[in-house]
Amino acid sequence: MHRENVNNMPESSRETETEAGVRDRQQREPGNQSSHNVVSVISQFADDNLTFVRNISTGLAIAGVLIIARSIKLITKFQAASEIPARFIERNVSLRGKVNSITEKGLEVEHIPIYLPVLSPLLSKHKGASMSPLLVHLAGVELTPEGRVWLQKNLVPTQTVWLKLISREDDILHCLVSQNRQGSMWSYSMNEEVLLLGLARTAPIAVKPDSHLYWRLHKRLHRAEVKAEKKGRGLWKEDSLWERVSKAAKDSALYTLMRRIFKRT
């Protein structure tokens, strides 16, 4: 009898009971309802202002790249040895440059930083200013006059080179200078090349002797110098027998006396 009464309850009574149950659950879970409302509002705002949200995201991304690029000096153009961070020297970073000239002081090289279309103009520190080249020495090498002439012929202005930073001394950078061979994708070291041709002598390397880099460079440069000496190239070239006899005769006292006699007559 009781079951029949429940089943025969009016439809309006059932609806009233259901609505009451929903209100009761909403009252028991106010936190979940408010959280759902906040998420809904944010989602609706993002949908309605999609372009605005994208612009904010892009702006934040660009700002982050700007900060990173400025902090690591990724696109900074160096115009003096003092501008290069100490960590670049310690880590032997390689810089790209363009040869301006070769003088008795060394190589004058204009630094070419990494170029990023949008960021480079924004972070440029030398807009409209005259460009000053870096003064570079071949690390571990003492050039002869013939070696300097050879560099002037083989490192023409505007030619691109790579500078592997070894040490810094006042306004001078001691570097391993390399360039690509013509018609080849491989590069070669100018430091080793002038030694191989007998156009230079090895010189002390301004790096701590206990470092791995010091012994690696010392081995490479010394090996190049020994090869030139064995093959008699450049300053290691030996005079022929006739040249040695002629030189000895000219240095003799008899030769000097004969010259004086012929001058008087």
C-alpha atoms as a PDB file:
ATOM      1  CA  MET A   1       0.000   0.000   0.000  1.00  0.00           C
ATOM      2  CA  HIS A   2       2.796   2.358   0.859  1.00  0.00           C
ATOM      3  CA  ARG A   3       4.599   1.647  -2.424  1.00  0.00           C
ATOM      4  CA  GLU A   4       1.515   2.503  -4.357  1.00  0.00           C
ATOM      5  CA  ASN A   5       1.310   5.837  -2.567  1.00  0.00           C
ATOM      6  CA  VAL A   6       4.912   6.690  -3.475  1.00  0.00           C
ATOM      7  CA  ASN A   7       4.473   5.724  -7.082  1.00  0.00           C
ATOM      8  CA  ASN A   8       1.261   7.652  -7.272  1.00  0.00           C
ATOM      9  CA  MET A   9       2.851  10.893  -5.930  1.00  0.00           C
ATOM     10  CA  PRO A  10       2.077  13.883  -8.073  1.00  0.00           C
ATOM     11  CA  GLU A  11       4.756  14.899 -10.629  1.00  0.00           C
ATOM     12  CA  SER A  12       4.993  18.416  -9.162  1.00  0.00           C
ATOM     13  CA  SER A  13       5.958  16.989  -5.781  1.00  0.00           C
ATOM     14  CA  ARG A  14       8.813  15.038  -7.325  1.00  0.00           C
ATOM     15  CA  GLU A  15      10.153  18.138  -9.097  1.00  0.00           C
ATOM     16  CA  THR A  16      10.005  20.103  -5.888  1.00  0.00           C
ATOM     17  CA  GLU A  17      11.943  17.434  -4.088  1.00  0.00           C
ATOM     18  CA  THR A  18      14.622  17.341  -6.849  1.00  0.00           C
ATOM     19  CA  GLU A  19      15.100  21.112  -6.790  1.00  0.00           C
ATOM     20  CA  ALA A  20      15.465  20.993  -3.055  1.00  0.00           C
ATOM     21  CA  GLY A  21      18.148  18.332  -3.380  1.00  0.00           C
ATOM     22  CA  VAL A  22      20.113  20.418  -5.891  1.00  0.00           C
ATOM     23  CA  ARG A  23      19.946  23.488  -3.648  1.00  0.00           C
ATOM     24  CA  ASP A  24      21.078  21.385  -0.740  1.00  0.00           C
ATOM     25  CA  ARG A  25      24.128  20.100  -2.660  1.00  0.00           C
ATOM     26  CA  GLN A  26      25.018  23.599  -3.770  1.00  0.00           C
ATOM     27  CA  GLN A  27      24.891  24.780  -0.190  1.00  0.00           C
ATOM     28  CA  ARG A  28      27.138  21.884   0.904  1.00  0.00           C
ATOM     29  CA  GLU A  29      29.737  22.614  -1.853  1.00  0.00           C
ATOM     30  CA  PRO A  30      30.058  26.416  -2.056  1.00  0.00           C
ATOM     31  CA  GLY A  31      33.825  26.262  -2.701  1.00  0.00           C
ATOM     32  CA  ASN A  32      33.521  24.022  -5.740  1.00  0.00           C
ATOM     33  CA  GLN A  33      30.789  26.187  -7.200  1.00  0.00           C
ATOM     34  CA  SER A  34      32.797  29.424  -6.784  1.00  0.00           C
ATOM     35  CA  SER A  35      35.914  27.813  -8.289  1.00  0.00           C
ATOM     36  CA  HIS A  36      33.896  26.632 -11.253  1.00  0.00           C
ATOM     37  CA  ASN A  37      32.517  30.137 -11.713  1.00  0.00           C
ATOM     38  CA  VAL A  38      36.034  31.692 -11.675  1.00  0.00           C
ATOM     39  CA  VAL A  39      37.342  29.222 -14.247  1.00  0.00           C
ATOM     40  CA  SER A  40      34.315  29.869 -16.417  1.00  0.00           C
ATOM     41  CA  VAL A  41      34.843  33.628 -16.267  1.00  0.00           C
ATOM     42  CA  ILE A  42      38.549  33.346 -17.143  1.00  0.00           C
ATOM     43  CA  SER A  43      37.838  30.953 -19.994  1.00  0.00           C
ATOM     44  CA  GLN A  44      35.130  33.225 -21.337  1.00  0.00           C
ATOM     45  CA  PHE A  45      37.465  36.252 -21.118  1.00  0.00           C
ATOM     46  CA  ALA A  46      40.228  34.377 -22.974  1.00  0.00           C
ATOM     47  CA  ASP A  47      37.801  33.348 -25.701  1.00  0.00           C
ATOM     48  CA  ASP A  48      36.474  36.878 -26.094  1.00  0.00           C
ATOM     49  CA  ASN A  49      39.936  38.472 -26.092  1.00  0.00           C
ATOM     50  CA  LEU A  50      42.020  35.827 -27.837  1.00  0.00           C
ATOM     51  CA  THR A  51      44.150  38.355 -29.774  1.00  0.00           C
ATOM     52  CA  PHE A  52      44.887  40.329 -26.613  1.00  0.00           C
ATOM     53  CA  VAL A  53      45.984  37.192 -24.751  1.00  0.00           C
ATOM     54  CA  ARG A  54      48.216  36.148 -27.641  1.00  0.00           C
ATOM     55  CA  ASN A  55      49.843  39.592 -27.733  1.00  0.00           C
ATOM     56  CA  ILE A  56      50.580  39.388 -24.002  1.00  0.00           C
ATOM     57  CA  SER A  57      52.160  35.940 -24.441  1.00  0.00           C
ATOM     58  CA  THR A  58      54.262  37.150 -27.374  1.00  0.00           C
ATOM     59  CA  GLY A  59      55.365  40.212 -25.433  1.00  0.00           C
ATOM     60  CA  LEU A  60      56.432  38.140 -22.451  1.00  0.00           C
ATOM     61  CA  ALA A  61      58.353  35.753 -24.714  1.00  0.00           C
ATOM     62  CA  ILE A  62      60.197  38.621 -26.444  1.00  0.00           C
ATOM     63  CA  ALA A  63      61.004  40.229 -23.098  1.00  0.00           C
ATOM     64  CA  GLY A  64      62.440  36.933 -21.876  1.00  0.00           C
ATOM     65  CA  VAL A  65      64.617  36.556 -24.970  1.00  0.00           C
ATOM     66  CA  LEU A  66      65.804  40.164 -24.605  1.00  0.00           C
ATOM     67  CA  ILE A  67      66.841  39.554 -21.009  1.00  0.00           C
ATOM     68  CA  ILE A  68      68.665  36.338 -21.888  1.00  0.00           C
ATOM     69  CA  ALA A  69      70.388  37.856 -24.911  1.00  0.00           C
ATOM     70  CA  ARG A  70      71.530  40.889 -22.926  1.00  0.00           C
ATOM     71  CA  SER A  71      72.762  38.777 -20.007  1.00  0.00           C
ATOM     72  CA  ILE A  72      74.909  36.463 -22.138  1.00  0.00           C
ATOM     73  CA  LYS A  73      75.894  39.247 -24.599  1.00  0.00           C
ATOM     74  CA  LEU A  74      74.735  37.047 -27.439  1.00  0.00           C
ATOM     75  CA  ILE A  75      74.382  39.862 -29.975  1.00  0.00           C
ATOM     76  CA  THR A  76      76.707  42.500 -28.491  1.00  0.00           C
ATOM     77  CA  LYS A  77      79.309  43.990 -30.824  1.00  0.00           C
ATOM     78  CA  PHE A  78      82.650  44.251 -29.018  1.00  0.00           C
ATOM     79  CA  GLN A  79      84.882  47.179 -29.958  1.00  0.00           C
ATOM     80  CA  ALA A  80      87.596  46.750 -27.350  1.00  0.00           C
ATOM     81  CA  ALA A  81      89.189  43.861 -25.501  1.00  0.00           C
ATOM     82  CA  SER A  82      87.934  45.285 -22.203  1.00  0.00           C
ATOM     83  CA  GLU A  83      84.288  44.893 -23.335  1.00  0.00           C
ATOM     84  CA  ILE A  84      84.569  41.113 -23.639  1.00  0.00           C
ATOM     85  CA  PRO A  85      83.330  39.336 -20.486  1.00  0.00           C
ATOM     86  CA  ALA A  86      85.924  37.431 -18.474  1.00  0.00           C
ATOM     87  CA  ARG A  87      83.860  34.239 -18.779  1.00  0.00           C
ATOM     88  CA  PHE A  88      84.288  34.395 -22.578  1.00  0.00           C
ATOM     89  CA  ILE A  89      88.073  34.292 -22.111  1.00  0.00           C
ATOM     90  CA  GLU A  90      87.903  31.551 -19.475  1.00  0.00           C
ATOM     91  CA  ARG A  91      85.715  29.353 -21.688  1.00  0.00           C
ATOM     92  CA  ASN A  92      87.720  30.115 -24.859  1.00  0.00           C
ATOM     93  CA  VAL A  93      84.663  31.303 -26.765  1.00  0.00           C
ATOM     94  CA  SER A  94      85.050  31.748 -30.539  1.00  0.00           C
ATOM     95  CA  LEU A  95      84.055  35.096 -32.074  1.00  0.00           C
ATOM     96  CA  ARG A  96      83.518  35.883 -35.735  1.00  0.00           C
ATOM     97  CA  GLY A  97      85.237  38.894 -37.225  1.00  0.00           C
ATOM     98  CA  LYS A  98      86.193  40.748 -40.386  1.00  0.00           C
ATOM     99  CA  VAL A  99      89.832  41.665 -41.048  1.00  0.00           C
ATOM    100  CA  ASN A 100      90.438  45.422 -41.344  1.00  0.00           C
ATOM    101  CA  SER A 101      94.218  45.526 -41.607  1.00  0.00           C
ATOM    102  CA  ILE A 102      97.466  43.934 -40.444  1.00  0.00           C
ATOM    103  CA  THR A 103     100.009  46.197 -38.785  1.00  0.00           C
ATOM    104  CA  GLU A 104     103.163  45.816 -36.711  1.00  0.00           C
ATOM    105  CA  LYS A 105     100.949  45.779 -33.617  1.00  0.00           C
ATOM    106  CA  GLY A 106      98.873  42.860 -34.848  1.00  0.00           C
ATOM    107  CA  LEU A 107      95.621  42.099 -36.647  1.00  0.00           C
ATOM    108  CA  GLU A 108      92.838  44.677 -36.545  1.00  0.00           C
ATOM    109  CA  VAL A 109      89.572  42.743 -36.675  1.00  0.00           C
ATOM    110  CA  GLU A 110      86.019  44.075 -36.613  1.00  0.00           C
ATOM    111  CA  HIS A 111      83.802  41.849 -34.482  1.00  0.00           C
ATOM    112  CA  ILE A 112      80.699  40.470 -36.206  1.00  0.00           C
ATOM    113  CA  PRO A 113      78.094  39.500 -33.565  1.00  0.00           C
ATOM    114  CA  ILE A 114      75.211  37.100 -34.073  1.00  0.00           C
ATOM    115  CA  TYR A 115      72.444  38.992 -35.861  1.00  0.00           C
ATOM    116  CA  LEU A 116      68.786  38.549 -34.973  1.00  0.00           C
ATOM    117  CA  PRO A 117      66.409  40.607 -37.188  1.00  0.00           C
ATOM    118  CA  VAL A 118      64.295  42.121 -34.400  1.00  0.00           C
ATOM    119  CA  LEU A 119      66.516  41.941 -31.336  1.00  0.00           C
ATOM    120  CA  SER A 120      69.839  43.174 -32.763  1.00  0.00           C
ATOM    121  CA  PRO A 121      68.648  46.735 -33.486  1.00  0.00           C
ATOM    122  CA  LEU A 122      66.999  46.920 -30.049  1.00  0.00           C
ATOM    123  CA  LEU A 123      70.131  45.886 -28.160  1.00  0.00           C
ATOM    124  CA  SER A 124      72.703  47.697 -30.309  1.00  0.00           C
ATOM    125  CA  LYS A 125      74.937  49.846 -28.063  1.00  0.00           C
ATOM    126  CA  HIS A 126      76.795  51.613 -30.880  1.00  0.00           C
ATOM    127  CA  LYS A 127      74.069  53.009 -33.141  1.00  0.00           C
ATOM    128  CA  GLY A 128      75.553  55.591 -35.471  1.00  0.00           C
ATOM    129  CA  ALA A 129      78.963  55.414 -33.763  1.00  0.00           C
ATOM    130  CA  SER A 130      82.245  54.745 -35.528  1.00  0.00           C
ATOM    131  CA  MET A 131      83.333  51.135 -35.399  1.00  0.00           C
ATOM    132  CA  SER A 132      86.599  50.355 -33.586  1.00  0.00           C
ATOM    133  CA  PRO A 133      88.397  47.084 -34.436  1.00  0.00           C
ATOM    134  CA  LEU A 134      89.784  44.609 -31.938  1.00  0.00           C
ATOM    135  CA  LEU A 135      93.570  44.275 -31.741  1.00  0.00           C
ATOM    136  CA  VAL A 136      94.459  40.589 -32.097  1.00  0.00           C
ATOM    137  CA  HIS A 137      97.755  38.695 -31.733  1.00  0.00           C
ATOM    138  CA  LEU A 138      98.339  35.143 -32.918  1.00  0.00           C
ATOM    139  CA  ALA A 139      98.604  33.243 -29.628  1.00  0.00           C
ATOM    140  CA  GLY A 140     101.889  31.412 -29.061  1.00  0.00           C
ATOM    141  CA  VAL A 141     103.499  32.890 -32.182  1.00  0.00           C
ATOM    142  CA  GLU A 142     106.287  35.429 -32.804  1.00  0.00           C
ATOM    143  CA  LEU A 143     106.011  36.622 -36.399  1.00  0.00           C
ATOM    144  CA  THR A 144     108.991  37.455 -38.613  1.00  0.00           C
ATOM    145  CA  PRO A 145     108.745  40.425 -41.039  1.00  0.00           C
ATOM    146  CA  GLU A 146     108.178  37.880 -43.804  1.00  0.00           C
ATOM    147  CA  GLY A 147     105.388  36.342 -41.770  1.00  0.00           C
ATOM    148  CA  ARG A 148     103.645  39.696 -41.474  1.00  0.00           C
ATOM    149  CA  VAL A 149     103.879  40.196 -45.242  1.00  0.00           C
ATOM    150  CA  TRP A 150     102.439  36.718 -45.782  1.00  0.00           C
ATOM    151  CA  LEU A 151      99.469  37.523 -43.523  1.00  0.00           C
ATOM    152  CA  GLN A 152      98.837  40.759 -45.405  1.00  0.00           C
ATOM    153  CA  LYS A 153      98.589  38.761 -48.628  1.00  0.00           C
ATOM    154  CA  ASN A 154      96.450  35.953 -47.224  1.00  0.00           C
ATOM    155  CA  LEU A 155      94.181  37.883 -44.847  1.00  0.00           C
ATOM    156  CA  VAL A 156      92.807  40.537 -47.142  1.00  0.00           C
ATOM    157  CA  PRO A 157      90.439  43.219 -45.781  1.00  0.00           C
ATOM    158  CA  THR A 158      86.767  42.194 -45.342  1.00  0.00           C
ATOM    159  CA  GLN A 159      87.792  38.535 -45.099  1.00  0.00           C
ATOM    160  CA  THR A 160      85.945  36.641 -42.364  1.00  0.00           C
ATOM    161  CA  VAL A 161      87.955  34.875 -39.666  1.00  0.00           C
ATOM    162  CA  TRP A 162      87.225  33.078 -36.394  1.00  0.00           C
ATOM    163  CA  LEU A 163      88.911  34.190 -33.176  1.00  0.00           C
ATOM    164  CA  LYS A 164      89.211  31.555 -30.454  1.00  0.00           C
ATOM    165  CA  LEU A 165      89.881  33.577 -27.307  1.00  0.00           C
ATOM    166  CA  ILE A 166      92.947  32.377 -25.382  1.00  0.00           C
ATOM    167  CA  SER A 167      93.917  35.287 -23.139  1.00  0.00           C
ATOM    168  CA  ARG A 168      93.700  39.059 -22.796  1.00  0.00           C
ATOM    169  CA  GLU A 169      96.542  41.457 -22.124  1.00  0.00           C
ATOM    170  CA  ASP A 170      95.494  45.106 -21.685  1.00  0.00           C
ATOM    171  CA  ASP A 171      93.892  45.993 -25.036  1.00  0.00           C
ATOM    172  CA  ILE A 172      95.313  42.969 -26.887  1.00  0.00           C
ATOM    173  CA  LEU A 173      93.510  39.673 -27.458  1.00  0.00           C
ATOM    174  CA  HIS A 174      95.640  36.560 -27.889  1.00  0.00           C
ATOM    175  CA  CYS A 175      93.679  34.204 -30.121  1.00  0.00           C
ATOM    176  CA  LEU A 176      93.816  31.194 -32.367  1.00  0.00           C
ATOM    177  CA  VAL A 177      92.892  32.751 -35.707  1.00  0.00           C
ATOM    178  CA  SER A 178      91.355  30.502 -38.344  1.00  0.00           C
ATOM    179  CA  GLN A 179      89.731  30.878 -41.746  1.00  0.00           C
ATOM    180  CA  ASN A 180      88.221  28.620 -44.389  1.00  0.00           C
ATOM    181  CA  ARG A 181      90.391  27.407 -47.224  1.00  0.00           C
ATOM    182  CA  GLN A 182      89.291  28.551 -50.651  1.00  0.00           C
ATOM    183  CA  GLY A 183      86.886  26.077 -52.173  1.00  0.00           C
ATOM    184  CA  SER A 184      86.661  24.101 -48.936  1.00  0.00           C
ATOM    185  CA  MET A 185      84.338  24.048 -45.956  1.00  0.00           C
ATOM    186  CA  TRP A 186      87.224  23.190 -43.620  1.00  0.00           C
ATOM    187  CA  SER A 187      89.120  25.854 -41.705  1.00  0.00           C
ATOM    188  CA  TYR A 188      92.777  25.990 -40.770  1.00  0.00           C
ATOM    189  CA  SER A 189      94.707  27.776 -38.048  1.00  0.00           C
ATOM    190  CA  MET A 190      96.817  30.763 -39.108  1.00  0.00           C
ATOM    191  CA  ASN A 191      98.928  30.258 -35.971  1.00  0.00           C
ATOM    192  CA  GLU A 192     100.016  26.825 -37.146  1.00  0.00           C
ATOM    193  CA  GLU A 193     100.288  27.841 -40.795  1.00  0.00           C
ATOM    194  CA  VAL A 194     102.900  30.576 -40.262  1.00  0.00           C
ATOM    195  CA  LEU A 195     104.933  28.136 -38.136  1.00  0.00           C
ATOM    196  CA  LEU A 196     104.692  25.396 -40.772  1.00  0.00           C
ATOM    197  CA  LEU A 197     105.996  27.819 -43.406  1.00  0.00           C
ATOM    198  CA  GLY A 198     108.892  28.923 -41.213  1.00  0.00           C
ATOM    199  CA  LEU A 199     107.553  32.478 -41.023  1.00  0.00           C
ATOM    200  CA  ALA A 200     107.392  32.601 -37.238  1.00  0.00           C
ATOM    201  CA  ARG A 201     108.805  31.127 -34.032  1.00  0.00           C
ATOM    202  CA  THR A 202     106.876  29.724 -31.123  1.00  0.00           C
ATOM    203  CA  ALA A 203     106.384  32.100 -28.199  1.00  0.00           C
ATOM    204  CA  PRO A 204     105.145  31.642 -24.610  1.00  0.00           C
ATOM    205  CA  ILE A 205     101.395  31.092 -24.388  1.00  0.00           C
ATOM    206  CA  ALA A 206      99.620  33.375 -21.939  1.00  0.00           C
ATOM    207  CA  VAL A 207      97.685  30.513 -20.328  1.00  0.00           C
ATOM    208  CA  LYS A 208      98.275  28.780 -17.004  1.00  0.00           C
ATOM    209  CA  PRO A 209     100.752  25.913 -17.570  1.00  0.00           C
ATOM    210  CA  ASP A 210      98.643  23.555 -15.465  1.00  0.00           C
ATOM    211  CA  SER A 211      95.642  23.880 -17.774  1.00  0.00           C
ATOM    212  CA  HIS A 212      94.733  21.266 -20.367  1.00  0.00           C
ATOM    213  CA  LEU A 213      94.492  23.974 -23.036  1.00  0.00           C
ATOM    214  CA  TYR A 214      98.106  25.077 -22.473  1.00  0.00           C
ATOM    215  CA  TRP A 215      99.595  21.658 -23.211  1.00  0.00           C
ATOM    216  CA  ARG A 216      97.296  21.045 -26.170  1.00  0.00           C
ATOM    217  CA  LEU A 217      98.294  24.353 -27.785  1.00  0.00           C
ATOM    218  CA  HIS A 218     101.949  23.929 -26.905  1.00  0.00           C
ATOM    219  CA  LYS A 219     101.983  20.502 -28.577  1.00  0.00           C
ATOM    220  CA  ARG A 220     100.270  21.714 -31.762  1.00  0.00           C
ATOM    221  CA  LEU A 221     102.441  24.798 -32.225  1.00  0.00           C
ATOM    222  CA  HIS A 222     105.701  23.068 -31.326  1.00  0.00           C
ATOM    223  CA  ARG A 223     104.949  20.242 -33.764  1.00  0.00           C
ATOM    224  CA  ALA A 224     104.365  22.776 -36.577  1.00  0.00           C
ATOM    225  CA  GLU A 225     107.661  24.532 -35.826  1.00  0.00           C
ATOM    226  CA  VAL A 226     109.604  21.234 -35.805  1.00  0.00           C
ATOM    227  CA  LYS A 227     108.152  20.297 -39.219  1.00  0.00           C
ATOM    228  CA  ALA A 228     109.281  23.610 -40.710  1.00  0.00           C
ATOM    229  CA  GLU A 229     112.761  23.178 -39.228  1.00  0.00           C
ATOM    230  CA  LYS A 230     113.119  19.629 -40.584  1.00  0.00           C
ATOM    231  CA  LYS A 231     112.046  20.713 -44.064  1.00  0.00           C
ATOM    232  CA  GLY A 232     114.210  23.825 -43.987  1.00  0.00           C
ATOM    233  CA  ARG A 233     111.412  26.287 -44.636  1.00  0.00           C
ATOM    234  CA  GLY A 234     111.516  30.035 -44.142  1.00  0.00           C
ATOM    235  CA  LEU A 235     113.858  31.093 -41.380  1.00  0.00           C
ATOM    236  CA  TRP A 236     115.037  27.469 -41.075  1.00  0.00           C
ATOM    237  CA  LYS A 237     116.198  27.355 -44.671  1.00  0.00           C
ATOM    238  CA  GLU A 238     119.884  26.397 -44.903  1.00  0.00           C
ATOM    239  CA  ASP A 239     122.233  28.094 -47.350  1.00  0.00           C
ATOM    240  CA  SER A 240     123.725  26.044 -50.140  1.00  0.00           C
ATOM    241  CA  LEU A 241     127.423  25.148 -50.145  1.00  0.00           C
ATOM    242  CA  TRP A 242     128.241  27.968 -52.570  1.00  0.00           C
ATOM    243  CA  GLU A 243     126.282  30.483 -50.449  1.00  0.00           C
ATOM    244  CA  ARG A 244     128.123  29.397 -47.292  1.00  0.00           C
ATOM    245  CA  VAL A 245     131.544  29.661 -48.995  1.00  0.00           C
ATOM    246  CA  SER A 246     130.732  33.088 -50.424  1.00  0.00           C
ATOM    247  CA  LYS A 247     129.539  34.330 -47.044  1.00  0.00           C
ATOM    248  CA  ALA A 248     132.655  33.010 -45.296  1.00  0.00           C
ATOM    249  CA  ALA A 249     134.891  34.664 -47.905  1.00  0.00           C
ATOM    250  CA  LYS A 250     133.144  37.985 -47.513  1.00  0.00           C
ATOM    251  CA  ASP A 251     133.603  37.830 -43.752  1.00  0.00           C
ATOM    252  CA  SER A 252     137.329  37.010 -44.002  1.00  0.00           C
ATOM    253  CA  ALA A 253     140.098  39.543 -43.288  1.00  0.00           C
ATOM    254  CA  LEU A 254     141.703  38.921 -46.698  1.00  0.00           C
ATOM    255  CA  TYR A 255     138.511  39.896 -48.505  1.00  0.00           C
ATOM    256  CA  THR A 256     138.259  43.099 -46.455  1.00  0.00           C
ATOM    257  CA  LEU A 257     141.925  44.016 -47.212  1.00  0.00           C
ATOM    258  CA  MET A 258     141.497  43.419 -50.943  1.00  0.00           C
ATOM    259  CA  ARG A 259     138.433  45.675 -51.014  1.00  0.00           C
ATOM    260  CA  ARG A 260     140.379  48.496 -49.367  1.00  0.00           C
ATOM    261  CA  ILE A 261     143.267  48.172 -51.842  1.00  0.00           C
ATOM    262  CA  PHE A 262     140.963  48.264 -54.867  1.00  0.00           C
ATOM    263  CA  LYS A 263     139.127  51.286 -53.469  1.00  0.00           C
ATOM    264  CA  ARG A 264     142.358  53.271 -53.153  1.00  0.00           C
ATOM    265  CA  THR A 265     143.399  52.471 -56.690  1.00  0.00           C
END
